Amino acid sequence: MDFAGDAQTLAASLNHSAFNIANALGASLGSVLLGQQFGYGALGIGGALLSIGGLLVYLLALFILKKSGVAEERQPII
């Protein structure tokens, strides 16, 4: 939201879209794991792997921002 500038509504809708996509990916992975007869224990491992993947994407984004030298534009809260 800090990078959105005047497009706060667009940033909020993209945030919700990303959440919904991640939710759908998690459900899809769970159904694939169960469909391949891995059992219910594999669901936790699949969820952990997706969480690690999300953390890696976040760390990559931070690395790219630091390397590019882009500064955050913080808007005052009114």
PDB file of N, CA and C in Angstrom:
ATOM      1  N   MET A   1       0.828  -1.190   0.000  1.00  0.00           N
ATOM      2  CA  MET A   1       0.000   0.000   0.000  1.00  0.00           C
ATOM      3  C   MET A   1       0.876   1.259   0.000  1.00  0.00           C
ATOM      4  N   ASP A   2       2.080   1.161   0.549  1.00  0.00           N
ATOM      5  CA  ASP A   2       2.952   2.329   0.598  1.00  0.00           C
ATOM      6  C   ASP A   2       3.426   2.747  -0.789  1.00  0.00           C
ATOM      7  N   PHE A   3       3.510   1.814  -1.709  1.00  0.00           N
ATOM      8  CA  PHE A   3       3.985   2.117  -3.055  1.00  0.00           C
ATOM      9  C   PHE A   3       2.858   2.547  -3.991  1.00  0.00           C
ATOM     10  N   ALA A   4       1.628   2.462  -3.552  1.00  0.00           N
ATOM     11  CA  ALA A   4       0.492   2.697  -4.446  1.00  0.00           C
ATOM     12  C   ALA A   4       0.282   4.163  -4.791  1.00  0.00           C
ATOM     13  N   GLY A   5       0.723   5.056  -3.939  1.00  0.00           N
ATOM     14  CA  GLY A   5       0.512   6.477  -4.219  1.00  0.00           C
ATOM     15  C   GLY A   5      -0.969   6.817  -4.256  1.00  0.00           C
ATOM     16  N   ASP A   6      -1.437   7.305  -5.404  1.00  0.00           N
ATOM     17  CA  ASP A   6      -2.845   7.688  -5.537  1.00  0.00           C
ATOM     18  C   ASP A   6      -3.744   6.515  -5.901  1.00  0.00           C
ATOM     19  N   ALA A   7      -3.196   5.332  -6.094  1.00  0.00           N
ATOM     20  CA  ALA A   7      -3.981   4.165  -6.507  1.00  0.00           C
ATOM     21  C   ALA A   7      -4.212   3.207  -5.339  1.00  0.00           C
ATOM     22  N   GLN A   8      -4.659   3.722  -4.232  1.00  0.00           N
ATOM     23  CA  GLN A   8      -4.876   2.908  -3.039  1.00  0.00           C
ATOM     24  C   GLN A   8      -5.940   1.837  -3.256  1.00  0.00           C
ATOM     25  N   THR A   9      -6.992   2.171  -3.978  1.00  0.00           N
ATOM     26  CA  THR A   9      -8.063   1.210  -4.228  1.00  0.00           C
ATOM     27  C   THR A   9      -7.565   0.058  -5.092  1.00  0.00           C
ATOM     28  N   LEU A  10      -6.776   0.372  -6.110  1.00  0.00           N
ATOM     29  CA  LEU A  10      -6.212  -0.669  -6.965  1.00  0.00           C
ATOM     30  C   LEU A  10      -5.285  -1.573  -6.163  1.00  0.00           C
ATOM     31  N   ALA A  11      -4.461  -1.002  -5.312  1.00  0.00           N
ATOM     32  CA  ALA A  11      -3.555  -1.799  -4.493  1.00  0.00           C
ATOM     33  C   ALA A  11      -4.333  -2.722  -3.555  1.00  0.00           C
ATOM     34  N   ALA A  12      -5.409  -2.221  -2.986  1.00  0.00           N
ATOM     35  CA  ALA A  12      -6.216  -3.052  -2.092  1.00  0.00           C
ATOM     36  C   ALA A  12      -6.861  -4.207  -2.848  1.00  0.00           C
ATOM     37  N   SER A  13      -7.352  -3.938  -4.060  1.00  0.00           N
ATOM     38  CA  SER A  13      -7.988  -5.018  -4.831  1.00  0.00           C
ATOM     39  C   SER A  13      -6.957  -6.049  -5.273  1.00  0.00           C
ATOM     40  N   LEU A  14      -5.748  -5.626  -5.618  1.00  0.00           N
ATOM     41  CA  LEU A  14      -4.698  -6.581  -5.980  1.00  0.00           C
ATOM     42  C   LEU A  14      -4.280  -7.422  -4.780  1.00  0.00           C
ATOM     43  N   ASN A  15      -4.302  -6.826  -3.601  1.00  0.00           N
ATOM     44  CA  ASN A  15      -3.971  -7.560  -2.382  1.00  0.00           C
ATOM     45  C   ASN A  15      -4.983  -8.673  -2.140  1.00  0.00           C
ATOM     46  N   HIS A  16      -6.265  -8.359  -2.310  1.00  0.00           N
ATOM     47  CA  HIS A  16      -7.309  -9.377  -2.144  1.00  0.00           C
ATOM     48  C   HIS A  16      -7.219 -10.440  -3.234  1.00  0.00           C
ATOM     49  N   SER A  17      -6.896 -10.033  -4.446  1.00  0.00           N
ATOM     50  CA  SER A  17      -6.760 -10.999  -5.541  1.00  0.00           C
ATOM     51  C   SER A  17      -5.624 -11.975  -5.270  1.00  0.00           C
ATOM     52  N   ALA A  18      -4.513 -11.471  -4.775  1.00  0.00           N
ATOM     53  CA  ALA A  18      -3.378 -12.345  -4.465  1.00  0.00           C
ATOM     54  C   ALA A  18      -3.745 -13.338  -3.369  1.00  0.00           C
ATOM     55  N   PHE A  19      -4.500 -12.887  -2.380  1.00  0.00           N
ATOM     56  CA  PHE A  19      -4.944 -13.783  -1.315  1.00  0.00           C
ATOM     57  C   PHE A  19      -5.834 -14.886  -1.877  1.00  0.00           C
ATOM     58  N   ASN A  20      -6.764 -14.523  -2.755  1.00  0.00           N
ATOM     59  CA  ASN A  20      -7.671 -15.515  -3.325  1.00  0.00           C
ATOM     60  C   ASN A  20      -6.940 -16.501  -4.224  1.00  0.00           C
ATOM     61  N   ILE A  21      -5.947 -16.044  -4.974  1.00  0.00           N
ATOM     62  CA  ILE A  21      -5.155 -16.944  -5.816  1.00  0.00           C
ATOM     63  C   ILE A  21      -4.375 -17.926  -4.951  1.00  0.00           C
ATOM     64  N   ALA A  22      -3.776 -17.435  -3.873  1.00  0.00           N
ATOM     65  CA  ALA A  22      -3.035 -18.314  -2.969  1.00  0.00           C
ATOM     66  C   ALA A  22      -3.964 -19.340  -2.324  1.00  0.00           C
ATOM     67  N   ASN A  23      -5.167 -18.923  -1.970  1.00  0.00           N
ATOM     68  CA  ASN A  23      -6.146 -19.836  -1.392  1.00  0.00           C
ATOM     69  C   ASN A  23      -6.510 -20.935  -2.384  1.00  0.00           C
ATOM     70  N   ALA A  24      -6.712 -20.566  -3.647  1.00  0.00           N
ATOM     71  CA  ALA A  24      -7.047 -21.552  -4.681  1.00  0.00           C
ATOM     72  C   ALA A  24      -5.878 -22.496  -4.940  1.00  0.00           C
ATOM     73  N   LEU A  25      -4.649 -21.978  -4.941  1.00  0.00           N
ATOM     74  CA  LEU A  25      -3.480 -22.836  -5.142  1.00  0.00           C
ATOM     75  C   LEU A  25      -3.325 -23.847  -4.006  1.00  0.00           C
ATOM     76  N   GLY A  26      -3.581 -23.403  -2.785  1.00  0.00           N
ATOM     77  CA  GLY A  26      -3.490 -24.312  -1.652  1.00  0.00           C
ATOM     78  C   GLY A  26      -4.516 -25.427  -1.733  1.00  0.00           C
ATOM     79  N   ALA A  27      -5.742 -25.080  -2.098  1.00  0.00           N
ATOM     80  CA  ALA A  27      -6.786 -26.100  -2.237  1.00  0.00           C
ATOM     81  C   ALA A  27      -6.462 -27.056  -3.383  1.00  0.00           C
ATOM     82  N   SER A  28      -5.920 -26.522  -4.465  1.00  0.00           N
ATOM     83  CA  SER A  28      -5.553 -27.371  -5.607  1.00  0.00           C
ATOM     84  C   SER A  28      -4.445 -28.345  -5.239  1.00  0.00           C
ATOM     85  N   LEU A  29      -3.426 -27.838  -4.554  1.00  0.00           N
ATOM     86  CA  LEU A  29      -2.325 -28.709  -4.139  1.00  0.00           C
ATOM     87  C   LEU A  29      -2.836 -29.790  -3.188  1.00  0.00           C
ATOM     88  N   GLY A  30      -3.711 -29.413  -2.275  1.00  0.00           N
ATOM     89  CA  GLY A  30      -4.273 -30.397  -1.355  1.00  0.00           C
ATOM     90  C   GLY A  30      -5.048 -31.487  -2.067  1.00  0.00           C
ATOM     91  N   SER A  31      -5.826 -31.100  -3.069  1.00  0.00           N
ATOM     92  CA  SER A  31      -6.590 -32.112  -3.800  1.00  0.00           C
ATOM     93  C   SER A  31      -5.680 -33.015  -4.624  1.00  0.00           C
ATOM     94  N   VAL A  32      -4.591 -32.458  -5.154  1.00  0.00           N
ATOM     95  CA  VAL A  32      -3.631 -33.283  -5.905  1.00  0.00           C
ATOM     96  C   VAL A  32      -2.956 -34.280  -4.964  1.00  0.00           C
ATOM     97  N   LEU A  33      -2.564 -33.819  -3.795  1.00  0.00           N
ATOM     98  CA  LEU A  33      -1.906 -34.712  -2.837  1.00  0.00           C
ATOM     99  C   LEU A  33      -2.835 -35.840  -2.402  1.00  0.00           C
ATOM    100  N   LEU A  34      -4.093 -35.504  -2.135  1.00  0.00           N
ATOM    101  CA  LEU A  34      -5.045 -36.537  -1.738  1.00  0.00           C
ATOM    102  C   LEU A  34      -5.388 -37.448  -2.912  1.00  0.00           C
ATOM    103  N   GLY A  35      -5.462 -36.887  -4.114  1.00  0.00           N
ATOM    104  CA  GLY A  35      -5.759 -37.687  -5.292  1.00  0.00           C
ATOM    105  C   GLY A  35      -4.653 -38.672  -5.641  1.00  0.00           C
ATOM    106  N   GLN A  36      -3.425 -38.344  -5.267  1.00  0.00           N
ATOM    107  CA  GLN A  36      -2.296 -39.238  -5.510  1.00  0.00           C
ATOM    108  C   GLN A  36      -2.067 -40.206  -4.348  1.00  0.00           C
ATOM    109  N   GLN A  37      -3.024 -40.261  -3.431  1.00  0.00           N
ATOM    110  CA  GLN A  37      -3.007 -41.204  -2.299  1.00  0.00           C
ATOM    111  C   GLN A  37      -1.845 -40.976  -1.331  1.00  0.00           C
ATOM    112  N   PHE A  38      -1.444 -39.705  -1.135  1.00  0.00           N
ATOM    113  CA  PHE A  38      -0.390 -39.421  -0.163  1.00  0.00           C
ATOM    114  C   PHE A  38      -0.930 -39.385   1.262  1.00  0.00           C
ATOM    115  N   GLY A  39      -2.216 -39.206   1.424  1.00  0.00           N
ATOM    116  CA  GLY A  39      -2.831 -39.198   2.751  1.00  0.00           C
ATOM    117  C   GLY A  39      -2.924 -37.806   3.339  1.00  0.00           C
ATOM    118  N   TYR A  40      -3.632 -37.741   4.463  1.00  0.00           N
ATOM    119  CA  TYR A  40      -3.871 -36.447   5.096  1.00  0.00           C
ATOM    120  C   TYR A  40      -2.603 -35.842   5.710  1.00  0.00           C
ATOM    121  N   GLY A  41      -1.640 -36.655   6.066  1.00  0.00           N
ATOM    122  CA  GLY A  41      -0.391 -36.141   6.622  1.00  0.00           C
ATOM    123  C   GLY A  41       0.395 -35.300   5.639  1.00  0.00           C
ATOM    124  N   ALA A  42       0.214 -35.555   4.353  1.00  0.00           N
ATOM    125  CA  ALA A  42       0.936 -34.799   3.329  1.00  0.00           C
ATOM    126  C   ALA A  42       0.401 -33.376   3.176  1.00  0.00           C
ATOM    127  N   LEU A  43      -0.814 -33.133   3.652  1.00  0.00           N
ATOM    128  CA  LEU A  43      -1.393 -31.794   3.520  1.00  0.00           C
ATOM    129  C   LEU A  43      -0.600 -30.758   4.313  1.00  0.00           C
ATOM    130  N   GLY A  44      -0.152 -31.127   5.498  1.00  0.00           N
ATOM    131  CA  GLY A  44       0.663 -30.207   6.294  1.00  0.00           C
ATOM    132  C   GLY A  44       1.996 -29.907   5.643  1.00  0.00           C
ATOM    133  N   ILE A  45       2.603 -30.940   5.069  1.00  0.00           N
ATOM    134  CA  ILE A  45       3.885 -30.744   4.380  1.00  0.00           C
ATOM    135  C   ILE A  45       3.686 -29.863   3.152  1.00  0.00           C
ATOM    136  N   GLY A  46       2.613 -30.105   2.398  1.00  0.00           N
ATOM    137  CA  GLY A  46       2.320 -29.268   1.233  1.00  0.00           C
ATOM    138  C   GLY A  46       2.083 -27.820   1.627  1.00  0.00           C
ATOM    139  N   GLY A  47       1.354 -27.601   2.717  1.00  0.00           N
ATOM    140  CA  GLY A  47       1.128 -26.245   3.213  1.00  0.00           C
ATOM    141  C   GLY A  47       2.417 -25.570   3.646  1.00  0.00           C
ATOM    142  N   ALA A  48       3.292 -26.330   4.287  1.00  0.00           N
ATOM    143  CA  ALA A  48       4.580 -25.768   4.709  1.00  0.00           C
ATOM    144  C   ALA A  48       5.428 -25.385   3.500  1.00  0.00           C
ATOM    145  N   LEU A  49       5.400 -26.225   2.469  1.00  0.00           N
ATOM    146  CA  LEU A  49       6.167 -25.911   1.257  1.00  0.00           C
ATOM    147  C   LEU A  49       5.623 -24.658   0.566  1.00  0.00           C
ATOM    148  N   LEU A  50       4.309 -24.513   0.533  1.00  0.00           N
ATOM    149  CA  LEU A  50       3.737 -23.296  -0.048  1.00  0.00           C
ATOM    150  C   LEU A  50       4.104 -22.066   0.779  1.00  0.00           C
ATOM    151  N   SER A  51       4.143 -22.206   2.096  1.00  0.00           N
ATOM    152  CA  SER A  51       4.531 -21.088   2.960  1.00  0.00           C
ATOM    153  C   SER A  51       5.986 -20.692   2.723  1.00  0.00           C
ATOM    154  N   ILE A  52       6.844 -21.681   2.586  1.00  0.00           N
ATOM    155  CA  ILE A  52       8.258 -21.398   2.305  1.00  0.00           C
ATOM    156  C   ILE A  52       8.399 -20.706   0.947  1.00  0.00           C
ATOM    157  N   GLY A  53       7.607 -21.161  -0.035  1.00  0.00           N
ATOM    158  CA  GLY A  53       7.622 -20.518  -1.342  1.00  0.00           C
ATOM    159  C   GLY A  53       7.204 -19.060  -1.263  1.00  0.00           C
ATOM    160  N   GLY A  54       6.162 -18.767  -0.486  1.00  0.00           N
ATOM    161  CA  GLY A  54       5.722 -17.385  -0.292  1.00  0.00           C
ATOM    162  C   GLY A  54       6.782 -16.543   0.390  1.00  0.00           C
ATOM    163  N   LEU A  55       7.466 -17.114   1.373  1.00  0.00           N
ATOM    164  CA  LEU A  55       8.542 -16.393   2.046  1.00  0.00           C
ATOM    165  C   LEU A  55       9.687 -16.088   1.086  1.00  0.00           C
ATOM    166  N   LEU A  56      10.008 -17.039   0.217  1.00  0.00           N
ATOM    167  CA  LEU A  56      11.077 -16.810  -0.763  1.00  0.00           C
ATOM    168  C   LEU A  56      10.704 -15.706  -1.753  1.00  0.00           C
ATOM    169  N   VAL A  57       9.451 -15.656  -2.175  1.00  0.00           N
ATOM    170  CA  VAL A  57       9.003 -14.583  -3.073  1.00  0.00           C
ATOM    171  C   VAL A  57       9.109 -13.235  -2.365  1.00  0.00           C
ATOM    172  N   TYR A  58       8.727 -13.186  -1.101  1.00  0.00           N
ATOM    173  CA  TYR A  58       8.822 -11.949  -0.324  1.00  0.00           C
ATOM    174  C   TYR A  58      10.268 -11.491  -0.180  1.00  0.00           C
ATOM    175  N   LEU A  59      11.155 -12.423   0.159  1.00  0.00           N
ATOM    176  CA  LEU A  59      12.567 -12.062   0.323  1.00  0.00           C
ATOM    177  C   LEU A  59      13.184 -11.626  -0.999  1.00  0.00           C
ATOM    178  N   LEU A  60      12.787 -12.257  -2.101  1.00  0.00           N
ATOM    179  CA  LEU A  60      13.269 -11.857  -3.413  1.00  0.00           C
ATOM    180  C   LEU A  60      12.808 -10.441  -3.750  1.00  0.00           C
ATOM    181  N   ALA A  61      11.556 -10.118  -3.430  1.00  0.00           N
ATOM    182  CA  ALA A  61      11.042  -8.769  -3.677  1.00  0.00           C
ATOM    183  C   ALA A  61      11.815  -7.738  -2.855  1.00  0.00           C
ATOM    184  N   LEU A  62      12.109  -8.048  -1.599  1.00  0.00           N
ATOM    185  CA  LEU A  62      12.896  -7.125  -0.773  1.00  0.00           C
ATOM    186  C   LEU A  62      14.296  -6.936  -1.334  1.00  0.00           C
ATOM    187  N   PHE A  63      14.905  -8.010  -1.783  1.00  0.00           N
ATOM    188  CA  PHE A  63      16.243  -7.939  -2.363  1.00  0.00           C
ATOM    189  C   PHE A  63      16.245  -7.057  -3.613  1.00  0.00           C
ATOM    190  N   ILE A  64      15.256  -7.239  -4.470  1.00  0.00           N
ATOM    191  CA  ILE A  64      15.187  -6.447  -5.706  1.00  0.00           C
ATOM    192  C   ILE A  64      14.961  -4.972  -5.383  1.00  0.00           C
ATOM    193  N   LEU A  65      14.108  -4.675  -4.402  1.00  0.00           N
ATOM    194  CA  LEU A  65      13.885  -3.280  -4.017  1.00  0.00           C
ATOM    195  C   LEU A  65      15.148  -2.639  -3.461  1.00  0.00           C
ATOM    196  N   LYS A  66      15.866  -3.356  -2.624  1.00  0.00           N
ATOM    197  CA  LYS A  66      17.112  -2.798  -2.064  1.00  0.00           C
ATOM    198  C   LYS A  66      18.148  -2.569  -3.147  1.00  0.00           C
ATOM    199  N   LYS A  67      18.245  -3.526  -4.064  1.00  0.00           N
ATOM    200  CA  LYS A  67      19.241  -3.422  -5.120  1.00  0.00           C
ATOM    201  C   LYS A  67      18.926  -2.288  -6.086  1.00  0.00           C
ATOM    202  N   SER A  68      17.651  -2.050  -6.355  1.00  0.00           N
ATOM    203  CA  SER A  68      17.268  -1.003  -7.296  1.00  0.00           C
ATOM    204  C   SER A  68      17.316   0.386  -6.670  1.00  0.00           C
ATOM    205  N   GLY A  69      17.344   0.449  -5.347  1.00  0.00           N
ATOM    206  CA  GLY A  69      17.421   1.735  -4.667  1.00  0.00           C
ATOM    207  C   GLY A  69      16.109   2.482  -4.620  1.00  0.00           C
ATOM    208  N   VAL A  70      15.003   1.819  -4.870  1.00  0.00           N
ATOM    209  CA  VAL A  70      13.692   2.460  -4.831  1.00  0.00           C
ATOM    210  C   VAL A  70      13.318   2.715  -3.381  1.00  0.00           C
ATOM    211  N   ALA A  71      12.962   3.942  -3.090  1.00  0.00           N
ATOM    212  CA  ALA A  71      12.581   4.288  -1.727  1.00  0.00           C
ATOM    213  C   ALA A  71      11.055   4.212  -1.587  1.00  0.00           C
ATOM    214  N   GLU A  72      10.614   3.837  -0.421  1.00  0.00           N
ATOM    215  CA  GLU A  72       9.179   3.790  -0.162  1.00  0.00           C
ATOM    216  C   GLU A  72       8.635   5.207  -0.099  1.00  0.00           C
ATOM    217  N   GLU A  73       7.429   5.378  -0.634  1.00  0.00           N
ATOM    218  CA  GLU A  73       6.731   6.648  -0.521  1.00  0.00           C
ATOM    219  C   GLU A  73       5.654   6.505   0.526  1.00  0.00           C
ATOM    220  N   ARG A  74       5.920   6.968   1.706  1.00  0.00           N
ATOM    221  CA  ARG A  74       4.934   6.839   2.779  1.00  0.00           C
ATOM    222  C   ARG A  74       4.018   8.041   2.756  1.00  0.00           C
ATOM    223  N   GLN A  75       2.727   7.765   2.725  1.00  0.00           N
ATOM    224  CA  GLN A  75       1.721   8.809   2.737  1.00  0.00           C
ATOM    225  C   GLN A  75       1.301   9.074   4.188  1.00  0.00           C
ATOM    226  N   PRO A  76       1.113  10.335   4.544  1.00  0.00           N
ATOM    227  CA  PRO A  76       0.653  10.603   5.914  1.00  0.00           C
ATOM    228  C   PRO A  76      -0.764  10.081   6.111  1.00  0.00           C
ATOM    229  N   ILE A  77      -1.010   9.522   7.258  1.00  0.00           N
ATOM    230  CA  ILE A  77      -2.343   9.002   7.587  1.00  0.00           C
ATOM    231  C   ILE A  77      -3.164  10.155   8.139  1.00  0.00           C
ATOM    232  N   ILE A  78      -4.271  10.391   7.483  1.00  0.00           N
ATOM    233  CA  ILE A  78      -5.120  11.535   7.881  1.00  0.00           C
ATOM    234  C   ILE A  78      -6.370  11.027   8.542  1.00  0.00           C
TER     235      ILE A  78
END
